[in-house]
Amino acid sequence: MLLLAAIVGPNYAGALKNGDVSEQIDRCQAWVKAEASEAASLIESCVPHGKPMLAQAQKRLEGLEALQLLARVADEHLGGL
């Protein structure tokens, strides 16, 4: 749980309130994808902070994908996180 919170940051605390780790990761991924979509729209509108926002969202998604894989492995071999 701490690793997930560290990856997504404090703005995503609401995504971490309910459900098991897998559900929380899925919820965070959906939120970050929405953030990436917003960033892409900002880039299209030539808003300067769109590119850093998109880069941050991509970095979060990479971390979430790695954590999702770790959660699957833990679930299969250790019975969950």
C-alpha atoms as a PDB file:
ATOM      1  CA  MET A   1       0.000   0.000   0.000  1.00  0.00           C
ATOM      2  CA  LEU A   2       2.821   2.425   0.816  1.00  0.00           C
ATOM      3  CA  LEU A   3       4.501   1.688  -2.496  1.00  0.00           C
ATOM      4  CA  LEU A   4       1.268   2.401  -4.350  1.00  0.00           C
ATOM      5  CA  ALA A   5       0.818   5.682  -2.475  1.00  0.00           C
ATOM      6  CA  ALA A   6       4.417   6.643  -3.277  1.00  0.00           C
ATOM      7  CA  ILE A   7       3.931   5.951  -6.985  1.00  0.00           C
ATOM      8  CA  VAL A   8       0.705   7.908  -7.427  1.00  0.00           C
ATOM      9  CA  GLY A   9       1.236  10.685  -4.900  1.00  0.00           C
ATOM     10  CA  PRO A  10      -1.077  12.393  -2.431  1.00  0.00           C
ATOM     11  CA  ASN A  11      -3.568  13.630  -5.039  1.00  0.00           C
ATOM     12  CA  TYR A  12      -4.714  10.042  -5.593  1.00  0.00           C
ATOM     13  CA  ALA A  13      -5.488   9.226  -1.956  1.00  0.00           C
ATOM     14  CA  GLY A  14      -9.177   8.848  -2.821  1.00  0.00           C
ATOM     15  CA  ALA A  15      -8.352   5.968  -5.164  1.00  0.00           C
ATOM     16  CA  LEU A  16      -6.698   4.105  -2.301  1.00  0.00           C
ATOM     17  CA  LYS A  17      -9.582   4.155   0.177  1.00  0.00           C
ATOM     18  CA  ASN A  18     -11.601   1.095  -0.849  1.00  0.00           C
ATOM     19  CA  GLY A  19     -10.996  -2.328  -2.347  1.00  0.00           C
ATOM     20  CA  ASP A  20      -8.052  -4.663  -2.447  1.00  0.00           C
ATOM     21  CA  VAL A  21      -4.671  -3.702  -3.881  1.00  0.00           C
ATOM     22  CA  SER A  22      -5.555  -4.883  -7.380  1.00  0.00           C
ATOM     23  CA  GLU A  23      -8.721  -2.762  -7.436  1.00  0.00           C
ATOM     24  CA  GLN A  24      -6.806   0.238  -6.114  1.00  0.00           C
ATOM     25  CA  ILE A  25      -4.176  -0.136  -8.830  1.00  0.00           C
ATOM     26  CA  ASP A  26      -6.898  -0.380 -11.500  1.00  0.00           C
ATOM     27  CA  ARG A  27      -8.613   2.719 -10.117  1.00  0.00           C
ATOM     28  CA  CYS A  28      -5.335   4.649 -10.053  1.00  0.00           C
ATOM     29  CA  GLN A  29      -4.592   3.609 -13.632  1.00  0.00           C
ATOM     30  CA  ALA A  30      -7.976   4.922 -14.756  1.00  0.00           C
ATOM     31  CA  TRP A  31      -7.390   8.232 -12.984  1.00  0.00           C
ATOM     32  CA  VAL A  32      -3.878   8.601 -14.412  1.00  0.00           C
ATOM     33  CA  LYS A  33      -5.121   7.769 -17.921  1.00  0.00           C
ATOM     34  CA  ALA A  34      -7.696  10.548 -17.542  1.00  0.00           C
ATOM     35  CA  GLU A  35      -4.901  12.884 -16.432  1.00  0.00           C
ATOM     36  CA  ALA A  36      -2.823  11.871 -19.479  1.00  0.00           C
ATOM     37  CA  SER A  37      -5.791  12.548 -21.741  1.00  0.00           C
ATOM     38  CA  GLU A  38      -6.211  15.993 -20.214  1.00  0.00           C
ATOM     39  CA  ALA A  39      -2.493  16.647 -20.704  1.00  0.00           C
ATOM     40  CA  ALA A  40      -2.741  15.637 -24.366  1.00  0.00           C
ATOM     41  CA  SER A  41      -5.591  18.117 -24.806  1.00  0.00           C
ATOM     42  CA  LEU A  42      -3.486  20.830 -23.207  1.00  0.00           C
ATOM     43  CA  ILE A  43      -0.605  20.030 -25.550  1.00  0.00           C
ATOM     44  CA  GLU A  44      -2.959  20.321 -28.539  1.00  0.00           C
ATOM     45  CA  SER A  45      -4.004  23.730 -27.212  1.00  0.00           C
ATOM     46  CA  CYS A  46      -0.324  24.766 -26.903  1.00  0.00           C
ATOM     47  CA  VAL A  47      -0.520  25.098 -23.118  1.00  0.00           C
ATOM     48  CA  PRO A  48       3.084  25.006 -21.811  1.00  0.00           C
ATOM     49  CA  HIS A  49       2.542  22.727 -18.812  1.00  0.00           C
ATOM     50  CA  GLY A  50       0.845  20.027 -20.901  1.00  0.00           C
ATOM     51  CA  LYS A  51       4.107  18.260 -21.786  1.00  0.00           C
ATOM     52  CA  PRO A  52       5.417  17.952 -18.203  1.00  0.00           C
ATOM     53  CA  MET A  53       1.964  16.835 -17.084  1.00  0.00           C
ATOM     54  CA  LEU A  54       1.912  14.124 -19.769  1.00  0.00           C
ATOM     55  CA  ALA A  55       5.434  12.982 -18.867  1.00  0.00           C
ATOM     56  CA  GLN A  56       4.448  12.707 -15.205  1.00  0.00           C
ATOM     57  CA  ALA A  57       1.328  10.704 -16.085  1.00  0.00           C
ATOM     58  CA  GLN A  58       3.366   8.348 -18.273  1.00  0.00           C
ATOM     59  CA  LYS A  59       5.852   7.829 -15.441  1.00  0.00           C
ATOM     60  CA  ARG A  60       3.003   7.058 -13.037  1.00  0.00           C
ATOM     61  CA  LEU A  61       1.473   4.584 -15.481  1.00  0.00           C
ATOM     62  CA  GLU A  62       4.810   2.785 -15.841  1.00  0.00           C
ATOM     63  CA  GLY A  63       5.088   2.504 -12.068  1.00  0.00           C
ATOM     64  CA  LEU A  64       1.512   1.277 -11.765  1.00  0.00           C
ATOM     65  CA  GLU A  65       2.041  -1.352 -14.460  1.00  0.00           C
ATOM     66  CA  ALA A  66       5.131  -2.632 -12.635  1.00  0.00           C
ATOM     67  CA  LEU A  67       3.252  -2.689  -9.346  1.00  0.00           C
ATOM     68  CA  GLN A  68       0.337  -4.514 -10.976  1.00  0.00           C
ATOM     69  CA  LEU A  69       2.733  -7.203 -12.200  1.00  0.00           C
ATOM     70  CA  LEU A  70       4.259  -7.473  -8.726  1.00  0.00           C
ATOM     71  CA  ALA A  71       0.783  -7.824  -7.203  1.00  0.00           C
ATOM     72  CA  ARG A  72      -0.090 -10.622  -9.655  1.00  0.00           C
ATOM     73  CA  VAL A  73       3.119 -12.502  -8.880  1.00  0.00           C
ATOM     74  CA  ALA A  74       2.560 -12.076  -5.145  1.00  0.00           C
ATOM     75  CA  ASP A  75      -1.015 -13.287  -5.483  1.00  0.00           C
ATOM     76  CA  GLU A  76      -0.006 -16.352  -7.495  1.00  0.00           C
ATOM     77  CA  HIS A  77       2.965 -17.361  -5.371  1.00  0.00           C
ATOM     78  CA  LEU A  78       2.328 -15.910  -1.937  1.00  0.00           C
ATOM     79  CA  GLY A  79      -1.440 -15.692  -1.711  1.00  0.00           C
ATOM     80  CA  GLY A  80      -1.664 -11.909  -2.152  1.00  0.00           C
ATOM     81  CA  LEU A  81      -0.214  -8.713  -0.766  1.00  0.00           C
END
